Amino acid sequence: MITYKKLDVHGLQIFYREAGDASKPTILLLHGFPSSSHMYRDLIADLQDDFHLIAPDYPGFGFSSMPDKSEFSYTFDHIAQVMEQFIDQLGLKKFNLYVHDYGAPIGYRIASKRPELIQSLLIQNANAYLEGLGPNLAAIPPFWTNRNAETEEPIRGLLSLEGTKFQYLDGAENPENISPDAYYLDQYFLDRPGNSEIQLDLLFDYQNNVPLFDIWQQYFRQHQPSALIIWGENDRFFVEAGARAYQKDLKDTEVHLVNSGHFALEEFHREIAQHITHFLSKRNLK
């Protein structure tokens, strides 16, 4: 059974989904933009018999607290700090880290700071290399260079219902397989008063992740976590080259491409669950 909980982390109510037996290997699932732990609903159900699964919502996302930006600095550094505190308050000492999209800059900050926590990396359309940045991000660099109403306009388009649907449907093997529940739920949270400004701040702050790519790659080279890399090969936000790039620095990898886009779990959660189970079993992490 999946349970739905909240944990007080320094005054923030962090919502999370938990399933499985806590005595079994733990998988911590860090979600992407513009989603929440909801993106893992099917994968959690697929894996709960064999693993202990925890999937939190970040501040400003999903059912977690959304303090005003005047009271909370929405940066990847700050959210990673909150997630690290969340990990410690739950008493997690060792886990397999699943990252998607924003989960990479949040999770890799934690992993590179505290490598002893990480049993393996489960990477799905989550980038740490320049070659992984795709054509759907073309509007981002002008926004980073000069943030103003003109450069914000195409970024605000990402926050609209059409922008959210596009992220789910672009590159999908069959768009009719994508539940509208997913993108309408995301949009509900994006449309809350003040949330668009929060998301703009985070998208602007993403530029501060790029200089950290070298640090994360050094973490890969030094600590050599085993890595399962699963990629929606039609993703034009984080392209396939970003999946292959991990193999430059990590010796023990498996790469599996699926015929989908950025939100590959919407179509291929069963196949991805099978890859995870097989990968972790082979390495005695199951």
C-alpha atoms as a PDB file:
ATOM      1  CA  MET A   1       0.000   0.000   0.000  1.00  0.00           C
ATOM      2  CA  ILE A   2       1.155   3.506  -0.827  1.00  0.00           C
ATOM      3  CA  THR A   3       0.897   5.996   2.039  1.00  0.00           C
ATOM      4  CA  TYR A   4       0.775   9.784   1.786  1.00  0.00           C
ATOM      5  CA  LYS A   5       2.554  11.722   4.501  1.00  0.00           C
ATOM      6  CA  LYS A   6       3.967  15.093   5.466  1.00  0.00           C
ATOM      7  CA  LEU A   7       7.167  15.801   7.363  1.00  0.00           C
ATOM      8  CA  ASP A   8       7.952  19.114   9.052  1.00  0.00           C
ATOM      9  CA  VAL A   9      11.370  20.234   7.811  1.00  0.00           C
ATOM     10  CA  HIS A  10      12.301  23.469   9.572  1.00  0.00           C
ATOM     11  CA  GLY A  11       8.758  24.754   9.315  1.00  0.00           C
ATOM     12  CA  LEU A  12       8.110  23.466   5.788  1.00  0.00           C
ATOM     13  CA  GLN A  13       5.534  20.731   5.313  1.00  0.00           C
ATOM     14  CA  ILE A  14       7.168  18.311   2.875  1.00  0.00           C
ATOM     15  CA  PHE A  15       4.671  15.919   1.327  1.00  0.00           C
ATOM     16  CA  TYR A  16       5.904  12.486   0.309  1.00  0.00           C
ATOM     17  CA  ARG A  17       4.679   9.139  -0.939  1.00  0.00           C
ATOM     18  CA  GLU A  18       6.010   6.024   0.764  1.00  0.00           C
ATOM     19  CA  ALA A  19       5.518   2.376  -0.099  1.00  0.00           C
ATOM     20  CA  GLY A  20       7.100  -0.992   0.538  1.00  0.00           C
ATOM     21  CA  ASP A  21       8.878  -2.623   3.438  1.00  0.00           C
ATOM     22  CA  ALA A  22      11.406  -0.309   5.109  1.00  0.00           C
ATOM     23  CA  SER A  23      13.707  -3.290   5.698  1.00  0.00           C
ATOM     24  CA  LYS A  24      14.173  -3.671   1.939  1.00  0.00           C
ATOM     25  CA  PRO A  25      16.507  -1.527  -0.208  1.00  0.00           C
ATOM     26  CA  THR A  26      15.351   2.062  -0.434  1.00  0.00           C
ATOM     27  CA  ILE A  27      14.830   4.051  -3.619  1.00  0.00           C
ATOM     28  CA  LEU A  28      14.539   7.817  -3.188  1.00  0.00           C
ATOM     29  CA  LEU A  29      12.751   9.322  -6.175  1.00  0.00           C
ATOM     30  CA  LEU A  30      13.375  12.993  -6.963  1.00  0.00           C
ATOM     31  CA  HIS A  31      10.945  14.480  -9.462  1.00  0.00           C
ATOM     32  CA  GLY A  32      11.334  16.912 -12.337  1.00  0.00           C
ATOM     33  CA  PHE A  33       9.704  20.094 -13.614  1.00  0.00           C
ATOM     34  CA  PRO A  34       6.816  20.876 -13.715  1.00  0.00           C
ATOM     35  CA  SER A  35       5.738  17.740 -11.888  1.00  0.00           C
ATOM     36  CA  SER A  36       5.791  16.309  -8.383  1.00  0.00           C
ATOM     37  CA  SER A  37       5.978  12.898  -6.756  1.00  0.00           C
ATOM     38  CA  HIS A  38       2.795  12.168  -8.720  1.00  0.00           C
ATOM     39  CA  MET A  39       5.012  11.363 -11.727  1.00  0.00           C
ATOM     40  CA  TYR A  40       6.174   8.237  -9.837  1.00  0.00           C
ATOM     41  CA  ARG A  41       2.705   6.915  -8.945  1.00  0.00           C
ATOM     42  CA  ASP A  42       2.839   3.983 -11.392  1.00  0.00           C
ATOM     43  CA  LEU A  43       6.508   3.152 -10.842  1.00  0.00           C
ATOM     44  CA  ILE A  44       5.963   3.034  -7.083  1.00  0.00           C
ATOM     45  CA  ALA A  45       3.094   0.600  -7.553  1.00  0.00           C
ATOM     46  CA  ASP A  46       5.284  -1.530  -9.843  1.00  0.00           C
ATOM     47  CA  LEU A  47       8.192  -1.713  -7.383  1.00  0.00           C
ATOM     48  CA  GLN A  48       6.590  -1.680  -3.942  1.00  0.00           C
ATOM     49  CA  ASP A  49       6.742  -5.457  -3.415  1.00  0.00           C
ATOM     50  CA  ASP A  50      10.525  -5.522  -3.699  1.00  0.00           C
ATOM     51  CA  PHE A  51      11.703  -2.106  -2.503  1.00  0.00           C
ATOM     52  CA  HIS A  52      11.114   0.655   0.013  1.00  0.00           C
ATOM     53  CA  LEU A  53      10.179   3.760  -1.977  1.00  0.00           C
ATOM     54  CA  ILE A  54      10.081   7.392  -0.921  1.00  0.00           C
ATOM     55  CA  ALA A  55       9.101  10.214  -3.278  1.00  0.00           C
ATOM     56  CA  PRO A  56       8.921  13.780  -1.886  1.00  0.00           C
ATOM     57  CA  ASP A  57       7.538  16.981  -3.391  1.00  0.00           C
ATOM     58  CA  TYR A  58       9.931  19.945  -3.313  1.00  0.00           C
ATOM     59  CA  PRO A  59       8.886  23.228  -1.686  1.00  0.00           C
ATOM     60  CA  GLY A  60       6.701  25.047  -4.209  1.00  0.00           C
ATOM     61  CA  PHE A  61       5.708  21.803  -5.938  1.00  0.00           C
ATOM     62  CA  GLY A  62       2.849  19.370  -5.498  1.00  0.00           C
ATOM     63  CA  PHE A  63       1.404  19.108  -2.002  1.00  0.00           C
ATOM     64  CA  SER A  64       4.443  20.505  -0.132  1.00  0.00           C
ATOM     65  CA  SER A  65       4.520  23.980   1.363  1.00  0.00           C
ATOM     66  CA  MET A  66       4.711  26.879  -1.059  1.00  0.00           C
ATOM     67  CA  PRO A  67       6.084  29.804   0.932  1.00  0.00           C
ATOM     68  CA  ASP A  68       6.134  33.171  -0.798  1.00  0.00           C
ATOM     69  CA  LYS A  69       9.352  33.908  -2.656  1.00  0.00           C
ATOM     70  CA  SER A  70       9.900  36.833  -0.276  1.00  0.00           C
ATOM     71  CA  GLU A  71      10.166  34.276   2.544  1.00  0.00           C
ATOM     72  CA  PHE A  72      11.956  31.401   0.812  1.00  0.00           C
ATOM     73  CA  SER A  73      14.772  31.564  -1.727  1.00  0.00           C
ATOM     74  CA  TYR A  74      13.808  29.314  -4.628  1.00  0.00           C
ATOM     75  CA  THR A  75      17.212  28.150  -5.786  1.00  0.00           C
ATOM     76  CA  PHE A  76      18.559  24.681  -6.436  1.00  0.00           C
ATOM     77  CA  ASP A  77      21.065  25.123  -3.618  1.00  0.00           C
ATOM     78  CA  HIS A  78      18.280  25.874  -1.164  1.00  0.00           C
ATOM     79  CA  ILE A  79      15.938  23.102  -2.307  1.00  0.00           C
ATOM     80  CA  ALA A  80      18.824  20.609  -2.159  1.00  0.00           C
ATOM     81  CA  GLN A  81      19.442  21.709   1.445  1.00  0.00           C
ATOM     82  CA  VAL A  82      15.787  21.081   2.304  1.00  0.00           C
ATOM     83  CA  MET A  83      15.881  17.660   0.652  1.00  0.00           C
ATOM     84  CA  GLU A  84      19.070  16.767   2.503  1.00  0.00           C
ATOM     85  CA  GLN A  85      17.358  17.719   5.780  1.00  0.00           C
ATOM     86  CA  PHE A  86      14.359  15.633   4.725  1.00  0.00           C
ATOM     87  CA  ILE A  87      16.656  12.637   4.153  1.00  0.00           C
ATOM     88  CA  ASP A  88      18.263  13.055   7.560  1.00  0.00           C
ATOM     89  CA  GLN A  89      14.955  13.474   9.400  1.00  0.00           C
ATOM     90  CA  LEU A  90      13.688  10.249   7.842  1.00  0.00           C
ATOM     91  CA  GLY A  91      16.888   8.541   8.986  1.00  0.00           C
ATOM     92  CA  LEU A  92      17.901   7.349   5.522  1.00  0.00           C
ATOM     93  CA  LYS A  93      21.491   6.133   5.656  1.00  0.00           C
ATOM     94  CA  LYS A  94      21.787   4.426   2.268  1.00  0.00           C
ATOM     95  CA  PHE A  95      19.577   4.504  -0.803  1.00  0.00           C
ATOM     96  CA  ASN A  96      19.379   4.161  -4.546  1.00  0.00           C
ATOM     97  CA  LEU A  97      18.799   7.603  -6.024  1.00  0.00           C
ATOM     98  CA  TYR A  98      16.322   7.971  -8.906  1.00  0.00           C
ATOM     99  CA  VAL A  99      16.549  11.360 -10.616  1.00  0.00           C
ATOM    100  CA  HIS A 100      14.498  12.953 -13.369  1.00  0.00           C
ATOM    101  CA  ASP A 101      15.030  16.466 -14.774  1.00  0.00           C
ATOM    102  CA  TYR A 102      15.276  18.817 -11.729  1.00  0.00           C
ATOM    103  CA  GLY A 103      16.033  15.749  -9.645  1.00  0.00           C
ATOM    104  CA  ALA A 104      19.543  15.720 -11.109  1.00  0.00           C
ATOM    105  CA  PRO A 105      20.767  19.132  -9.886  1.00  0.00           C
ATOM    106  CA  ILE A 106      19.074  18.543  -6.540  1.00  0.00           C
ATOM    107  CA  GLY A 107      20.190  14.935  -6.132  1.00  0.00           C
ATOM    108  CA  TYR A 108      23.713  15.433  -7.451  1.00  0.00           C
ATOM    109  CA  ARG A 109      24.321  18.271  -5.009  1.00  0.00           C
ATOM    110  CA  ILE A 110      23.501  15.847  -2.205  1.00  0.00           C
ATOM    111  CA  ALA A 111      25.376  12.895  -3.718  1.00  0.00           C
ATOM    112  CA  SER A 112      28.587  14.830  -4.364  1.00  0.00           C
ATOM    113  CA  LYS A 113      28.488  16.269  -0.833  1.00  0.00           C
ATOM    114  CA  ARG A 114      27.603  12.973   0.875  1.00  0.00           C
ATOM    115  CA  PRO A 115      28.602  10.093  -1.412  1.00  0.00           C
ATOM    116  CA  GLU A 116      28.243   7.577   1.411  1.00  0.00           C
ATOM    117  CA  LEU A 117      24.445   7.856   1.071  1.00  0.00           C
ATOM    118  CA  ILE A 118      24.329   6.587  -2.489  1.00  0.00           C
ATOM    119  CA  GLN A 119      24.086   2.889  -3.365  1.00  0.00           C
ATOM    120  CA  SER A 120      23.401   3.480  -7.051  1.00  0.00           C
ATOM    121  CA  LEU A 121      22.092   6.068  -9.484  1.00  0.00           C
ATOM    122  CA  LEU A 122      18.903   5.487 -11.463  1.00  0.00           C
ATOM    123  CA  ILE A 123      18.940   8.225 -14.098  1.00  0.00           C
ATOM    124  CA  GLN A 124      15.991   9.016 -16.343  1.00  0.00           C
ATOM    125  CA  ASN A 125      16.166  12.042 -18.655  1.00  0.00           C
ATOM    126  CA  ALA A 126      18.238  13.848 -16.037  1.00  0.00           C
ATOM    127  CA  ASN A 127      21.178  15.827 -17.346  1.00  0.00           C
ATOM    128  CA  ALA A 128      24.704  16.544 -16.080  1.00  0.00           C
ATOM    129  CA  TYR A 129      26.475  17.298 -19.374  1.00  0.00           C
ATOM    130  CA  LEU A 130      26.455  20.189 -21.819  1.00  0.00           C
ATOM    131  CA  GLU A 131      25.822  17.814 -24.706  1.00  0.00           C
ATOM    132  CA  GLY A 132      22.552  16.812 -23.095  1.00  0.00           C
ATOM    133  CA  LEU A 133      20.923  20.243 -23.456  1.00  0.00           C
ATOM    134  CA  GLY A 134      18.436  20.007 -26.320  1.00  0.00           C
ATOM    135  CA  PRO A 135      16.701  22.326 -28.805  1.00  0.00           C
ATOM    136  CA  ASN A 136      13.558  22.744 -26.698  1.00  0.00           C
ATOM    137  CA  LEU A 137      15.693  24.789 -24.287  1.00  0.00           C
ATOM    138  CA  ALA A 138      16.669  27.373 -26.912  1.00  0.00           C
ATOM    139  CA  ALA A 139      14.709  30.163 -25.216  1.00  0.00           C
ATOM    140  CA  ILE A 140      16.531  29.705 -21.915  1.00  0.00           C
ATOM    141  CA  PRO A 141      19.989  31.270 -22.609  1.00  0.00           C
ATOM    142  CA  PRO A 142      18.580  34.702 -23.626  1.00  0.00           C
ATOM    143  CA  PHE A 143      16.519  34.658 -20.424  1.00  0.00           C
ATOM    144  CA  TRP A 144      19.645  33.910 -18.414  1.00  0.00           C
ATOM    145  CA  THR A 145      21.645  36.628 -20.161  1.00  0.00           C
ATOM    146  CA  ASN A 146      19.074  39.386 -19.727  1.00  0.00           C
ATOM    147  CA  ARG A 147      15.979  38.647 -17.683  1.00  0.00           C
ATOM    148  CA  ASN A 148      13.215  41.035 -18.697  1.00  0.00           C
ATOM    149  CA  ALA A 149       9.591  40.917 -19.850  1.00  0.00           C
ATOM    150  CA  GLU A 150      10.618  40.076 -23.419  1.00  0.00           C
ATOM    151  CA  THR A 151      12.918  37.184 -22.552  1.00  0.00           C
ATOM    152  CA  GLU A 152      10.476  35.935 -19.905  1.00  0.00           C
ATOM    153  CA  GLU A 153       7.613  35.649 -22.387  1.00  0.00           C
ATOM    154  CA  PRO A 154       8.625  32.325 -24.002  1.00  0.00           C
ATOM    155  CA  ILE A 155       9.564  30.954 -20.582  1.00  0.00           C
ATOM    156  CA  ARG A 156       6.105  31.804 -19.266  1.00  0.00           C
ATOM    157  CA  GLY A 157       4.795  29.754 -22.177  1.00  0.00           C
ATOM    158  CA  LEU A 158       6.356  26.686 -20.534  1.00  0.00           C
ATOM    159  CA  LEU A 159       4.156  27.380 -17.510  1.00  0.00           C
ATOM    160  CA  SER A 160       0.899  27.405 -19.490  1.00  0.00           C
ATOM    161  CA  LEU A 161      -1.337  24.387 -19.991  1.00  0.00           C
ATOM    162  CA  GLU A 162      -0.175  24.107 -23.583  1.00  0.00           C
ATOM    163  CA  GLY A 163       3.447  24.225 -22.426  1.00  0.00           C
ATOM    164  CA  THR A 164       2.847  21.554 -19.805  1.00  0.00           C
ATOM    165  CA  LYS A 165       0.991  19.288 -22.236  1.00  0.00           C
ATOM    166  CA  PHE A 166       3.824  19.728 -24.732  1.00  0.00           C
ATOM    167  CA  GLN A 167       6.374  18.487 -22.210  1.00  0.00           C
ATOM    168  CA  TYR A 168       4.343  15.317 -21.723  1.00  0.00           C
ATOM    169  CA  LEU A 169       3.280  14.684 -25.313  1.00  0.00           C
ATOM    170  CA  ASP A 170       6.290  15.760 -27.380  1.00  0.00           C
ATOM    171  CA  GLY A 171       8.158  12.623 -28.436  1.00  0.00           C
ATOM    172  CA  ALA A 172       5.629  10.217 -26.942  1.00  0.00           C
ATOM    173  CA  GLU A 173       5.300   6.914 -28.761  1.00  0.00           C
ATOM    174  CA  ASN A 174       1.538   7.265 -28.558  1.00  0.00           C
ATOM    175  CA  PRO A 175       0.125  10.486 -27.064  1.00  0.00           C
ATOM    176  CA  GLU A 176      -3.116   8.622 -26.374  1.00  0.00           C
ATOM    177  CA  ASN A 177      -1.193   6.609 -23.772  1.00  0.00           C
ATOM    178  CA  ILE A 178      -0.466   9.766 -21.753  1.00  0.00           C
ATOM    179  CA  SER A 179      -3.058  10.317 -19.034  1.00  0.00           C
ATOM    180  CA  PRO A 180      -4.326  13.905 -19.003  1.00  0.00           C
ATOM    181  CA  ASP A 181      -4.541  13.547 -15.228  1.00  0.00           C
ATOM    182  CA  ALA A 182      -0.774  14.082 -15.114  1.00  0.00           C
ATOM    183  CA  TYR A 183      -0.497  17.364 -16.959  1.00  0.00           C
ATOM    184  CA  TYR A 184      -3.737  18.797 -15.559  1.00  0.00           C
ATOM    185  CA  LEU A 185      -2.566  18.080 -12.008  1.00  0.00           C
ATOM    186  CA  ASP A 186       0.774  19.750 -12.752  1.00  0.00           C
ATOM    187  CA  GLN A 187      -1.075  22.722 -14.191  1.00  0.00           C
ATOM    188  CA  TYR A 188      -3.276  23.027 -11.128  1.00  0.00           C
ATOM    189  CA  PHE A 189      -0.174  23.601  -9.011  1.00  0.00           C
ATOM    190  CA  LEU A 190       1.484  25.890 -11.587  1.00  0.00           C
ATOM    191  CA  ASP A 191      -1.642  28.070 -11.669  1.00  0.00           C
ATOM    192  CA  ARG A 192      -1.636  28.799  -7.934  1.00  0.00           C
ATOM    193  CA  PRO A 193      -1.157  32.529  -7.221  1.00  0.00           C
ATOM    194  CA  GLY A 194       2.558  33.281  -7.043  1.00  0.00           C
ATOM    195  CA  ASN A 195       3.738  29.944  -8.393  1.00  0.00           C
ATOM    196  CA  SER A 196       4.668  31.218 -11.855  1.00  0.00           C
ATOM    197  CA  GLU A 197       7.130  33.649 -10.261  1.00  0.00           C
ATOM    198  CA  ILE A 198       8.583  30.806  -8.201  1.00  0.00           C
ATOM    199  CA  GLN A 199       9.054  28.694 -11.322  1.00  0.00           C
ATOM    200  CA  LEU A 200      10.625  31.599 -13.209  1.00  0.00           C
ATOM    201  CA  ASP A 201      13.130  32.063 -10.379  1.00  0.00           C
ATOM    202  CA  LEU A 202      14.064  28.373 -10.534  1.00  0.00           C
ATOM    203  CA  LEU A 203      14.361  28.353 -14.317  1.00  0.00           C
ATOM    204  CA  PHE A 204      16.574  31.438 -14.040  1.00  0.00           C
ATOM    205  CA  ASP A 205      18.660  29.775 -11.334  1.00  0.00           C
ATOM    206  CA  TYR A 206      19.157  26.686 -13.516  1.00  0.00           C
ATOM    207  CA  GLN A 207      22.094  28.521 -15.102  1.00  0.00           C
ATOM    208  CA  ASN A 208      23.939  28.009 -11.811  1.00  0.00           C
ATOM    209  CA  ASN A 209      23.738  24.255 -12.337  1.00  0.00           C
ATOM    210  CA  VAL A 210      25.811  24.356 -15.512  1.00  0.00           C
ATOM    211  CA  PRO A 211      29.102  25.346 -13.788  1.00  0.00           C
ATOM    212  CA  LEU A 212      28.532  22.453 -11.372  1.00  0.00           C
ATOM    213  CA  PHE A 213      28.523  19.858 -14.159  1.00  0.00           C
ATOM    214  CA  ASP A 214      32.294  19.513 -13.711  1.00  0.00           C
ATOM    215  CA  ILE A 215      31.896  18.904  -9.976  1.00  0.00           C
ATOM    216  CA  TRP A 216      29.241  16.258 -10.503  1.00  0.00           C
ATOM    217  CA  GLN A 217      31.318  14.586 -13.187  1.00  0.00           C
ATOM    218  CA  GLN A 218      34.252  14.541 -10.773  1.00  0.00           C
ATOM    219  CA  TYR A 219      31.977  12.849  -8.232  1.00  0.00           C
ATOM    220  CA  PHE A 220      31.117  10.215 -10.853  1.00  0.00           C
ATOM    221  CA  ARG A 221      34.787   9.594 -11.659  1.00  0.00           C
ATOM    222  CA  GLN A 222      35.940   9.473  -8.053  1.00  0.00           C
ATOM    223  CA  HIS A 223      33.162   7.444  -6.431  1.00  0.00           C
ATOM    224  CA  GLN A 224      31.967   5.354  -9.404  1.00  0.00           C
ATOM    225  CA  PRO A 225      28.393   4.638  -8.361  1.00  0.00           C
ATOM    226  CA  SER A 226      26.727   2.000 -10.504  1.00  0.00           C
ATOM    227  CA  ALA A 227      24.300   3.767 -12.827  1.00  0.00           C
ATOM    228  CA  LEU A 228      21.211   2.644 -14.674  1.00  0.00           C
ATOM    229  CA  ILE A 229      20.504   5.212 -17.384  1.00  0.00           C
ATOM    230  CA  ILE A 230      17.054   5.086 -18.934  1.00  0.00           C
ATOM    231  CA  TRP A 231      16.135   7.737 -21.473  1.00  0.00           C
ATOM    232  CA  GLY A 232      13.136   8.695 -23.501  1.00  0.00           C
ATOM    233  CA  GLU A 233      15.102   8.858 -26.733  1.00  0.00           C
ATOM    234  CA  ASN A 234      12.755  11.397 -28.352  1.00  0.00           C
ATOM    235  CA  ASP A 235      13.241  13.948 -25.561  1.00  0.00           C
ATOM    236  CA  ARG A 236      14.176  17.319 -27.058  1.00  0.00           C
ATOM    237  CA  PHE A 237      14.731  18.980 -23.693  1.00  0.00           C
ATOM    238  CA  PHE A 238      17.470  16.574 -22.566  1.00  0.00           C
ATOM    239  CA  VAL A 239      18.640  14.712 -25.631  1.00  0.00           C
ATOM    240  CA  GLU A 240      20.073  11.202 -25.972  1.00  0.00           C
ATOM    241  CA  ALA A 241      23.653  12.502 -26.081  1.00  0.00           C
ATOM    242  CA  GLY A 242      23.207  13.425 -22.429  1.00  0.00           C
ATOM    243  CA  ALA A 243      22.493   9.787 -21.615  1.00  0.00           C
ATOM    244  CA  ARG A 244      25.577   8.536 -23.451  1.00  0.00           C
ATOM    245  CA  ALA A 245      27.775  11.184 -21.834  1.00  0.00           C
ATOM    246  CA  TYR A 246      27.545   9.506 -18.424  1.00  0.00           C
ATOM    247  CA  GLN A 247      29.527   6.598 -19.821  1.00  0.00           C
ATOM    248  CA  LYS A 248      32.576   8.846 -20.192  1.00  0.00           C
ATOM    249  CA  ASP A 249      32.895   9.047 -16.410  1.00  0.00           C
ATOM    250  CA  LEU A 250      31.084   6.019 -15.002  1.00  0.00           C
ATOM    251  CA  LYS A 251      32.477   2.522 -15.530  1.00  0.00           C
ATOM    252  CA  ASP A 252      29.513   0.429 -14.396  1.00  0.00           C
ATOM    253  CA  THR A 253      26.553   1.610 -16.465  1.00  0.00           C
ATOM    254  CA  GLU A 254      23.600   0.226 -18.341  1.00  0.00           C
ATOM    255  CA  VAL A 255      21.849   2.429 -20.898  1.00  0.00           C
ATOM    256  CA  HIS A 256      18.340   1.661 -22.096  1.00  0.00           C
ATOM    257  CA  LEU A 257      16.511   3.883 -24.572  1.00  0.00           C
ATOM    258  CA  VAL A 258      12.723   3.851 -24.782  1.00  0.00           C
ATOM    259  CA  ASN A 259      10.592   5.221 -27.591  1.00  0.00           C
ATOM    260  CA  SER A 260       9.191   8.143 -25.646  1.00  0.00           C
ATOM    261  CA  GLY A 261       9.851  11.732 -24.652  1.00  0.00           C
ATOM    262  CA  HIS A 262      10.721  13.615 -21.484  1.00  0.00           C
ATOM    263  CA  PHE A 263       8.097  11.888 -19.303  1.00  0.00           C
ATOM    264  CA  ALA A 264       8.883   8.336 -20.378  1.00  0.00           C
ATOM    265  CA  LEU A 265       7.359   6.839 -17.220  1.00  0.00           C
ATOM    266  CA  GLU A 266       3.910   7.753 -18.487  1.00  0.00           C
ATOM    267  CA  GLU A 267       4.254   5.116 -21.229  1.00  0.00           C
ATOM    268  CA  PHE A 268       6.998   2.763 -20.069  1.00  0.00           C
ATOM    269  CA  HIS A 269       6.790   2.533 -16.281  1.00  0.00           C
ATOM    270  CA  ARG A 270       6.502  -1.286 -16.349  1.00  0.00           C
ATOM    271  CA  GLU A 271       9.547  -1.703 -18.590  1.00  0.00           C
ATOM    272  CA  ILE A 272      11.517   0.795 -16.508  1.00  0.00           C
ATOM    273  CA  ALA A 273      10.540  -1.050 -13.315  1.00  0.00           C
ATOM    274  CA  GLN A 274      11.812  -4.278 -14.835  1.00  0.00           C
ATOM    275  CA  HIS A 275      15.116  -2.628 -15.764  1.00  0.00           C
ATOM    276  CA  ILE A 276      15.488  -1.303 -12.213  1.00  0.00           C
ATOM    277  CA  THR A 277      14.779  -4.674 -10.614  1.00  0.00           C
ATOM    278  CA  HIS A 278      17.173  -6.503 -12.938  1.00  0.00           C
ATOM    279  CA  PHE A 279      19.911  -3.871 -12.566  1.00  0.00           C
ATOM    280  CA  LEU A 280      19.802  -3.799  -8.769  1.00  0.00           C
ATOM    281  CA  SER A 281      19.497  -7.584  -8.495  1.00  0.00           C
ATOM    282  CA  LYS A 282      22.650  -8.101 -10.596  1.00  0.00           C
ATOM    283  CA  ARG A 283      24.561  -5.838  -8.215  1.00  0.00           C
ATOM    284  CA  ASN A 284      23.153  -7.380  -5.036  1.00  0.00           C
ATOM    285  CA  LEU A 285      21.382  -4.106  -4.254  1.00  0.00           C
ATOM    286  CA  LYS A 286      17.958  -5.728  -4.164  1.00  0.00           C
END
